[in-house]
């Protein structure tokens, strides 16, 4: 007699399937991008693939792919499988040239499928972060719950340094190219994030790159808040997503 647990285990086994996948992301209310990629592996409940655009754990992506019908949880007769997916894991993979120069950066993403439609909170605010709650017994899709982020001003208080560190802020366009940049200084910085004075116009949820021309360090960050302080100067509150900013030697 077969064990029901064997069937459940088989459903969750990763199948190496290099199918093309169209990935659509709304970083913020005013910025979105589309990228074509290929699956690394897949199950009925999730998949893994690589992106050149940065993303982070907790974001929702919309996928379109020619998923084998036996692996689908709905839309079994449609040509394309359109499914919402929650980013669960992100691994940054950097390729270097012979001289040690950074050539390309890819974000290997593991996602959990969440169904045909996004939650209403995503429609209102696409930068909302989520986590999985439980699997729905009706369609085996993962249910979502919102994740509350702490206010930007309360992050990393213990290690934040209030100093003017020269940096360059770069904004990306929908194709992942730098569309605008500005030389400026930090208001404060910690290993995990920074507040930066800048006149660049952007929104909560956008991804930017912060670069130190002095050291050559470049860190991708997500905008957690964009505000104008009591001093009348606009600033961005950033959280680093691909690496930490080393503070050794600059205290």
C-alpha atoms as a PDB file:
ATOM      1  CA  UNK A   1       0.000   0.000   0.000  1.00  0.00           C
ATOM      2  CA  UNK A   2       1.366   3.423  -0.945  1.00  0.00           C
ATOM      3  CA  UNK A   3       2.149   5.976   1.713  1.00  0.00           C
ATOM      4  CA  UNK A   4       0.318   9.347   1.297  1.00  0.00           C
ATOM      5  CA  UNK A   5       3.477  10.989   2.560  1.00  0.00           C
ATOM      6  CA  UNK A   6       5.385   9.671  -0.471  1.00  0.00           C
ATOM      7  CA  UNK A   7       3.046  11.560  -2.834  1.00  0.00           C
ATOM      8  CA  UNK A   8       3.418  14.760  -0.809  1.00  0.00           C
ATOM      9  CA  UNK A   9       7.214  14.373  -0.871  1.00  0.00           C
ATOM     10  CA  UNK A  10       7.212  13.860  -4.646  1.00  0.00           C
ATOM     11  CA  UNK A  11       5.121  16.995  -5.178  1.00  0.00           C
ATOM     12  CA  UNK A  12       7.702  19.011  -3.275  1.00  0.00           C
ATOM     13  CA  UNK A  13      10.763  17.595  -5.024  1.00  0.00           C
ATOM     14  CA  UNK A  14      12.493  20.159  -7.217  1.00  0.00           C
ATOM     15  CA  UNK A  15      12.399  19.399 -10.932  1.00  0.00           C
ATOM     16  CA  UNK A  16      15.235  20.847 -13.007  1.00  0.00           C
ATOM     17  CA  UNK A  17      13.364  22.540 -15.834  1.00  0.00           C
ATOM     18  CA  UNK A  18      14.962  25.437 -17.755  1.00  0.00           C
ATOM     19  CA  UNK A  19      11.684  26.939 -18.965  1.00  0.00           C
ATOM     20  CA  UNK A  20      11.582  30.617 -19.969  1.00  0.00           C
ATOM     21  CA  UNK A  21       9.723  32.782 -17.450  1.00  0.00           C
ATOM     22  CA  UNK A  22       8.512  36.366 -17.759  1.00  0.00           C
ATOM     23  CA  UNK A  23       8.930  38.220 -14.462  1.00  0.00           C
ATOM     24  CA  UNK A  24       6.972  41.423 -13.808  1.00  0.00           C
ATOM     25  CA  UNK A  25       7.751  43.538 -10.742  1.00  0.00           C
ATOM     26  CA  UNK A  26       6.198  46.763  -9.450  1.00  0.00           C
ATOM     27  CA  UNK A  27       8.872  48.247  -7.202  1.00  0.00           C
ATOM     28  CA  UNK A  28       6.686  51.242  -6.347  1.00  0.00           C
ATOM     29  CA  UNK A  29       3.507  52.948  -7.505  1.00  0.00           C
ATOM     30  CA  UNK A  30       5.433  54.737 -10.246  1.00  0.00           C
ATOM     31  CA  UNK A  31       8.094  52.227 -11.296  1.00  0.00           C
ATOM     32  CA  UNK A  32       7.924  48.701 -12.706  1.00  0.00           C
ATOM     33  CA  UNK A  33      10.026  46.390 -14.832  1.00  0.00           C
ATOM     34  CA  UNK A  34       9.812  43.182 -16.836  1.00  0.00           C
ATOM     35  CA  UNK A  35      12.645  40.689 -17.240  1.00  0.00           C
ATOM     36  CA  UNK A  36      12.878  37.401 -19.122  1.00  0.00           C
ATOM     37  CA  UNK A  37      14.686  34.625 -17.275  1.00  0.00           C
ATOM     38  CA  UNK A  38      14.815  30.820 -17.154  1.00  0.00           C
ATOM     39  CA  UNK A  39      13.806  28.493 -14.361  1.00  0.00           C
ATOM     40  CA  UNK A  40      16.545  26.687 -12.507  1.00  0.00           C
ATOM     41  CA  UNK A  41      14.076  24.281 -10.911  1.00  0.00           C
ATOM     42  CA  UNK A  42      10.382  24.167 -10.044  1.00  0.00           C
ATOM     43  CA  UNK A  43       7.723  22.408  -7.959  1.00  0.00           C
ATOM     44  CA  UNK A  44       3.933  22.907  -8.000  1.00  0.00           C
ATOM     45  CA  UNK A  45       4.419  25.330  -5.105  1.00  0.00           C
ATOM     46  CA  UNK A  46       7.429  27.418  -6.100  1.00  0.00           C
ATOM     47  CA  UNK A  47      10.423  27.943  -8.361  1.00  0.00           C
ATOM     48  CA  UNK A  48      13.969  29.236  -8.579  1.00  0.00           C
ATOM     49  CA  UNK A  49      15.471  31.538 -11.230  1.00  0.00           C
ATOM     50  CA  UNK A  50      18.021  34.341 -11.628  1.00  0.00           C
ATOM     51  CA  UNK A  51      17.403  38.062 -12.195  1.00  0.00           C
ATOM     52  CA  UNK A  52      19.618  40.978 -13.132  1.00  0.00           C
ATOM     53  CA  UNK A  53      17.226  43.389 -11.389  1.00  0.00           C
ATOM     54  CA  UNK A  54      17.612  43.570  -7.611  1.00  0.00           C
ATOM     55  CA  UNK A  55      14.800  42.356  -5.375  1.00  0.00           C
ATOM     56  CA  UNK A  56      14.390  41.374  -1.737  1.00  0.00           C
ATOM     57  CA  UNK A  57      12.743  38.778   0.488  1.00  0.00           C
ATOM     58  CA  UNK A  58       9.062  39.536   0.995  1.00  0.00           C
ATOM     59  CA  UNK A  59       8.350  41.126  -2.411  1.00  0.00           C
ATOM     60  CA  UNK A  60       5.612  39.923  -4.758  1.00  0.00           C
ATOM     61  CA  UNK A  61       6.418  39.132  -8.404  1.00  0.00           C
ATOM     62  CA  UNK A  62       4.048  38.146 -11.219  1.00  0.00           C
ATOM     63  CA  UNK A  63       5.248  35.225 -13.349  1.00  0.00           C
ATOM     64  CA  UNK A  64       4.116  33.976 -16.747  1.00  0.00           C
ATOM     65  CA  UNK A  65       5.480  30.674 -18.065  1.00  0.00           C
ATOM     66  CA  UNK A  66       4.555  27.541 -20.028  1.00  0.00           C
ATOM     67  CA  UNK A  67       4.292  25.433 -16.884  1.00  0.00           C
ATOM     68  CA  UNK A  68       3.629  21.702 -17.451  1.00  0.00           C
ATOM     69  CA  UNK A  69      -0.050  21.137 -16.693  1.00  0.00           C
ATOM     70  CA  UNK A  70       0.623  18.316 -14.243  1.00  0.00           C
ATOM     71  CA  UNK A  71       2.540  20.801 -12.071  1.00  0.00           C
ATOM     72  CA  UNK A  72      -0.161  23.496 -12.072  1.00  0.00           C
ATOM     73  CA  UNK A  73      -2.579  24.186  -9.244  1.00  0.00           C
ATOM     74  CA  UNK A  74      -5.047  26.067 -11.520  1.00  0.00           C
ATOM     75  CA  UNK A  75      -5.533  27.168 -15.172  1.00  0.00           C
ATOM     76  CA  UNK A  76      -4.767  23.677 -16.463  1.00  0.00           C
ATOM     77  CA  UNK A  77      -6.079  24.380 -19.974  1.00  0.00           C
ATOM     78  CA  UNK A  78      -4.427  27.783 -20.496  1.00  0.00           C
ATOM     79  CA  UNK A  79      -1.337  28.054 -22.713  1.00  0.00           C
ATOM     80  CA  UNK A  80       0.459  30.253 -20.188  1.00  0.00           C
ATOM     81  CA  UNK A  81       0.488  29.830 -16.417  1.00  0.00           C
ATOM     82  CA  UNK A  82       0.106  33.245 -14.758  1.00  0.00           C
ATOM     83  CA  UNK A  83       0.870  33.058 -11.070  1.00  0.00           C
ATOM     84  CA  UNK A  84       1.841  35.447  -8.278  1.00  0.00           C
ATOM     85  CA  UNK A  85       4.970  34.507  -6.381  1.00  0.00           C
ATOM     86  CA  UNK A  86       6.503  35.619  -3.093  1.00  0.00           C
ATOM     87  CA  UNK A  87      10.261  36.082  -2.907  1.00  0.00           C
ATOM     88  CA  UNK A  88      11.449  33.787  -0.089  1.00  0.00           C
ATOM     89  CA  UNK A  89      15.217  33.718  -0.684  1.00  0.00           C
ATOM     90  CA  UNK A  90      17.702  35.901  -2.549  1.00  0.00           C
ATOM     91  CA  UNK A  91      21.332  34.920  -3.170  1.00  0.00           C
ATOM     92  CA  UNK A  92      23.625  37.509  -4.738  1.00  0.00           C
ATOM     93  CA  UNK A  93      26.069  36.010  -7.246  1.00  0.00           C
ATOM     94  CA  UNK A  94      28.849  38.265  -8.561  1.00  0.00           C
ATOM     95  CA  UNK A  95      31.099  37.432 -11.504  1.00  0.00           C
ATOM     96  CA  UNK A  96      34.559  38.996 -11.611  1.00  0.00           C
ATOM     97  CA  UNK A  97      36.914  39.514 -14.530  1.00  0.00           C
ATOM     98  CA  UNK A  98      40.547  38.410 -14.754  1.00  0.00           C
ATOM     99  CA  UNK A  99      41.684  41.693 -13.192  1.00  0.00           C
ATOM    100  CA  UNK A 100      39.299  41.330 -10.281  1.00  0.00           C
ATOM    101  CA  UNK A 101      36.819  43.862 -11.650  1.00  0.00           C
ATOM    102  CA  UNK A 102      33.152  43.192 -11.015  1.00  0.00           C
ATOM    103  CA  UNK A 103      31.487  42.186 -14.320  1.00  0.00           C
ATOM    104  CA  UNK A 104      27.917  41.176 -13.548  1.00  0.00           C
ATOM    105  CA  UNK A 105      25.669  40.745 -10.547  1.00  0.00           C
ATOM    106  CA  UNK A 106      22.777  38.293 -10.540  1.00  0.00           C
ATOM    107  CA  UNK A 107      20.126  37.702  -7.906  1.00  0.00           C
ATOM    108  CA  UNK A 108      19.193  34.034  -7.610  1.00  0.00           C
ATOM    109  CA  UNK A 109      15.619  34.066  -6.352  1.00  0.00           C
ATOM    110  CA  UNK A 110      13.525  31.360  -4.717  1.00  0.00           C
ATOM    111  CA  UNK A 111       9.783  32.040  -4.769  1.00  0.00           C
ATOM    112  CA  UNK A 112       6.613  30.496  -3.336  1.00  0.00           C
ATOM    113  CA  UNK A 113       3.508  30.524  -5.553  1.00  0.00           C
ATOM    114  CA  UNK A 114       0.622  32.417  -3.937  1.00  0.00           C
ATOM    115  CA  UNK A 115      -2.221  32.225  -6.470  1.00  0.00           C
ATOM    116  CA  UNK A 116      -4.006  33.943  -9.363  1.00  0.00           C
ATOM    117  CA  UNK A 117      -4.482  37.325  -7.690  1.00  0.00           C
ATOM    118  CA  UNK A 118      -2.429  39.591  -5.405  1.00  0.00           C
ATOM    119  CA  UNK A 119      -3.753  40.827  -2.054  1.00  0.00           C
ATOM    120  CA  UNK A 120      -5.574  44.174  -1.960  1.00  0.00           C
ATOM    121  CA  UNK A 121      -2.748  45.701   0.091  1.00  0.00           C
ATOM    122  CA  UNK A 122      -0.343  45.079  -2.805  1.00  0.00           C
ATOM    123  CA  UNK A 123      -2.646  46.916  -5.213  1.00  0.00           C
ATOM    124  CA  UNK A 124      -2.609  49.916  -2.875  1.00  0.00           C
ATOM    125  CA  UNK A 125       1.127  49.742  -2.080  1.00  0.00           C
ATOM    126  CA  UNK A 126       3.335  47.459  -4.220  1.00  0.00           C
ATOM    127  CA  UNK A 127       6.308  47.883  -1.842  1.00  0.00           C
ATOM    128  CA  UNK A 128       4.405  46.008   0.897  1.00  0.00           C
ATOM    129  CA  UNK A 129       6.400  43.070   2.287  1.00  0.00           C
ATOM    130  CA  UNK A 130       4.835  39.686   3.018  1.00  0.00           C
ATOM    131  CA  UNK A 131       5.597  36.317   4.561  1.00  0.00           C
ATOM    132  CA  UNK A 132       3.921  32.944   4.071  1.00  0.00           C
ATOM    133  CA  UNK A 133       1.282  31.973   6.596  1.00  0.00           C
ATOM    134  CA  UNK A 134      -0.030  28.534   5.585  1.00  0.00           C
ATOM    135  CA  UNK A 135      -0.974  26.542   2.517  1.00  0.00           C
ATOM    136  CA  UNK A 136      -4.577  26.793   1.378  1.00  0.00           C
ATOM    137  CA  UNK A 137      -6.328  23.388   1.466  1.00  0.00           C
ATOM    138  CA  UNK A 138      -8.401  24.443  -1.565  1.00  0.00           C
ATOM    139  CA  UNK A 139      -5.617  25.034  -4.095  1.00  0.00           C
ATOM    140  CA  UNK A 140      -2.310  24.337  -2.233  1.00  0.00           C
ATOM    141  CA  UNK A 141      -1.241  27.944  -2.806  1.00  0.00           C
ATOM    142  CA  UNK A 142       0.585  29.766  -0.040  1.00  0.00           C
ATOM    143  CA  UNK A 143      -1.464  32.284   1.958  1.00  0.00           C
ATOM    144  CA  UNK A 144       0.180  35.606   2.795  1.00  0.00           C
ATOM    145  CA  UNK A 145       0.417  37.886   5.779  1.00  0.00           C
ATOM    146  CA  UNK A 146       1.822  41.389   5.778  1.00  0.00           C
ATOM    147  CA  UNK A 147       5.163  42.041   7.464  1.00  0.00           C
ATOM    148  CA  UNK A 148       5.462  45.287   9.368  1.00  0.00           C
ATOM    149  CA  UNK A 149       8.791  47.015   8.876  1.00  0.00           C
ATOM    150  CA  UNK A 150      10.180  49.165  11.707  1.00  0.00           C
ATOM    151  CA  UNK A 151      10.308  52.904  10.998  1.00  0.00           C
ATOM    152  CA  UNK A 152      13.405  53.891   9.029  1.00  0.00           C
ATOM    153  CA  UNK A 153      14.515  56.259  11.767  1.00  0.00           C
ATOM    154  CA  UNK A 154      14.685  53.416  14.326  1.00  0.00           C
ATOM    155  CA  UNK A 155      16.991  51.086  12.359  1.00  0.00           C
ATOM    156  CA  UNK A 156      20.460  50.193  13.612  1.00  0.00           C
ATOM    157  CA  UNK A 157      20.513  52.850  16.310  1.00  0.00           C
ATOM    158  CA  UNK A 158      23.333  51.141  18.200  1.00  0.00           C
ATOM    159  CA  UNK A 159      25.792  51.142  15.292  1.00  0.00           C
ATOM    160  CA  UNK A 160      24.714  54.234  13.377  1.00  0.00           C
ATOM    161  CA  UNK A 161      27.451  56.777  12.785  1.00  0.00           C
ATOM    162  CA  UNK A 162      26.449  60.391  12.267  1.00  0.00           C
ATOM    163  CA  UNK A 163      28.996  61.442   9.675  1.00  0.00           C
ATOM    164  CA  UNK A 164      29.136  62.917   6.181  1.00  0.00           C
ATOM    165  CA  UNK A 165      30.565  60.081   4.087  1.00  0.00           C
ATOM    166  CA  UNK A 166      30.965  61.010   0.372  1.00  0.00           C
ATOM    167  CA  UNK A 167      28.805  58.685  -1.770  1.00  0.00           C
ATOM    168  CA  UNK A 168      27.105  58.522  -5.154  1.00  0.00           C
ATOM    169  CA  UNK A 169      23.395  57.608  -5.352  1.00  0.00           C
ATOM    170  CA  UNK A 170      22.254  55.944  -8.580  1.00  0.00           C
ATOM    171  CA  UNK A 171      18.685  55.271  -9.762  1.00  0.00           C
ATOM    172  CA  UNK A 172      17.893  52.446 -12.197  1.00  0.00           C
ATOM    173  CA  UNK A 173      15.452  52.577 -15.103  1.00  0.00           C
ATOM    174  CA  UNK A 174      13.113  49.728 -16.108  1.00  0.00           C
ATOM    175  CA  UNK A 175      15.937  48.083 -18.066  1.00  0.00           C
ATOM    176  CA  UNK A 176      18.251  48.045 -15.053  1.00  0.00           C
ATOM    177  CA  UNK A 177      20.473  50.847 -16.413  1.00  0.00           C
ATOM    178  CA  UNK A 178      21.473  53.916 -14.399  1.00  0.00           C
ATOM    179  CA  UNK A 179      18.996  56.668 -15.289  1.00  0.00           C
ATOM    180  CA  UNK A 180      20.154  59.324 -12.822  1.00  0.00           C
ATOM    181  CA  UNK A 181      22.933  59.801 -10.279  1.00  0.00           C
ATOM    182  CA  UNK A 182      24.076  62.374  -7.764  1.00  0.00           C
ATOM    183  CA  UNK A 183      27.187  62.947  -5.685  1.00  0.00           C
ATOM    184  CA  UNK A 184      26.210  63.625  -2.091  1.00  0.00           C
ATOM    185  CA  UNK A 185      27.014  62.668   1.516  1.00  0.00           C
ATOM    186  CA  UNK A 186      25.387  60.528   4.158  1.00  0.00           C
ATOM    187  CA  UNK A 187      23.595  62.012   7.127  1.00  0.00           C
ATOM    188  CA  UNK A 188      24.283  58.798   9.033  1.00  0.00           C
ATOM    189  CA  UNK A 189      25.309  55.247   8.168  1.00  0.00           C
ATOM    190  CA  UNK A 190      25.369  51.768   9.728  1.00  0.00           C
ATOM    191  CA  UNK A 191      26.362  48.342   8.375  1.00  0.00           C
ATOM    192  CA  UNK A 192      22.733  47.747   7.356  1.00  0.00           C
ATOM    193  CA  UNK A 193      21.591  51.110   6.024  1.00  0.00           C
ATOM    194  CA  UNK A 194      22.017  54.847   5.714  1.00  0.00           C
ATOM    195  CA  UNK A 195      20.216  58.180   5.524  1.00  0.00           C
ATOM    196  CA  UNK A 196      21.410  60.174   2.512  1.00  0.00           C
ATOM    197  CA  UNK A 197      20.766  63.772   1.522  1.00  0.00           C
ATOM    198  CA  UNK A 198      19.731  63.884  -2.148  1.00  0.00           C
ATOM    199  CA  UNK A 199      17.612  65.846  -4.584  1.00  0.00           C
ATOM    200  CA  UNK A 200      16.916  62.753  -6.691  1.00  0.00           C
ATOM    201  CA  UNK A 201      13.189  62.038  -6.882  1.00  0.00           C
ATOM    202  CA  UNK A 202      12.249  58.488  -5.982  1.00  0.00           C
ATOM    203  CA  UNK A 203       9.704  56.550  -3.935  1.00  0.00           C
ATOM    204  CA  UNK A 204       9.481  54.045  -1.120  1.00  0.00           C
ATOM    205  CA  UNK A 205      10.180  50.586  -2.494  1.00  0.00           C
ATOM    206  CA  UNK A 206      12.615  51.587  -5.256  1.00  0.00           C
ATOM    207  CA  UNK A 207      16.084  50.040  -5.450  1.00  0.00           C
ATOM    208  CA  UNK A 208      19.153  52.282  -5.726  1.00  0.00           C
ATOM    209  CA  UNK A 209      22.924  51.807  -5.683  1.00  0.00           C
ATOM    210  CA  UNK A 210      25.143  53.604  -3.184  1.00  0.00           C
ATOM    211  CA  UNK A 211      28.799  53.859  -4.231  1.00  0.00           C
ATOM    212  CA  UNK A 212      31.919  55.155  -2.509  1.00  0.00           C
ATOM    213  CA  UNK A 213      34.304  56.466  -5.178  1.00  0.00           C
ATOM    214  CA  UNK A 214      37.049  56.555  -2.547  1.00  0.00           C
ATOM    215  CA  UNK A 215      36.908  52.826  -1.786  1.00  0.00           C
ATOM    216  CA  UNK A 216      35.106  51.466  -4.869  1.00  0.00           C
ATOM    217  CA  UNK A 217      32.451  49.835  -2.673  1.00  0.00           C
ATOM    218  CA  UNK A 218      29.003  49.603  -4.305  1.00  0.00           C
ATOM    219  CA  UNK A 219      25.947  48.447  -2.348  1.00  0.00           C
ATOM    220  CA  UNK A 220      22.385  47.969  -3.605  1.00  0.00           C
ATOM    221  CA  UNK A 221      19.755  49.342  -1.243  1.00  0.00           C
ATOM    222  CA  UNK A 222      15.982  49.637  -1.048  1.00  0.00           C
ATOM    223  CA  UNK A 223      14.327  52.975  -0.260  1.00  0.00           C
ATOM    224  CA  UNK A 224      12.378  52.556   2.977  1.00  0.00           C
ATOM    225  CA  UNK A 225      11.368  56.221   3.187  1.00  0.00           C
ATOM    226  CA  UNK A 226      11.788  59.425   1.186  1.00  0.00           C
ATOM    227  CA  UNK A 227      11.120  62.563   3.206  1.00  0.00           C
ATOM    228  CA  UNK A 228      12.055  66.185   3.780  1.00  0.00           C
ATOM    229  CA  UNK A 229      13.391  66.940   7.245  1.00  0.00           C
ATOM    230  CA  UNK A 230      12.668  69.889   9.499  1.00  0.00           C
ATOM    231  CA  UNK A 231      15.743  71.527   7.979  1.00  0.00           C
ATOM    232  CA  UNK A 232      14.011  71.540   4.578  1.00  0.00           C
ATOM    233  CA  UNK A 233      16.536  69.125   3.047  1.00  0.00           C
ATOM    234  CA  UNK A 234      15.180  65.996   1.283  1.00  0.00           C
ATOM    235  CA  UNK A 235      16.761  62.667   2.194  1.00  0.00           C
ATOM    236  CA  UNK A 236      16.380  58.962   1.540  1.00  0.00           C
ATOM    237  CA  UNK A 237      16.377  56.298   4.242  1.00  0.00           C
ATOM    238  CA  UNK A 238      18.031  53.213   2.750  1.00  0.00           C
ATOM    239  CA  UNK A 239      18.364  49.572   3.801  1.00  0.00           C
ATOM    240  CA  UNK A 240      21.225  47.608   2.210  1.00  0.00           C
ATOM    241  CA  UNK A 241      20.108  44.317   0.664  1.00  0.00           C
ATOM    242  CA  UNK A 242      23.094  42.662  -1.016  1.00  0.00           C
ATOM    243  CA  UNK A 243      25.902  43.260   1.493  1.00  0.00           C
ATOM    244  CA  UNK A 244      26.807  45.244   4.594  1.00  0.00           C
ATOM    245  CA  UNK A 245      28.722  48.523   4.589  1.00  0.00           C
ATOM    246  CA  UNK A 246      32.040  48.048   6.431  1.00  0.00           C
ATOM    247  CA  UNK A 247      32.513  50.661   9.134  1.00  0.00           C
ATOM    248  CA  UNK A 248      35.971  49.545  10.257  1.00  0.00           C
ATOM    249  CA  UNK A 249      38.393  52.418  10.077  1.00  0.00           C
ATOM    250  CA  UNK A 250      35.833  55.186   9.604  1.00  0.00           C
ATOM    251  CA  UNK A 251      34.562  55.567  13.151  1.00  0.00           C
END
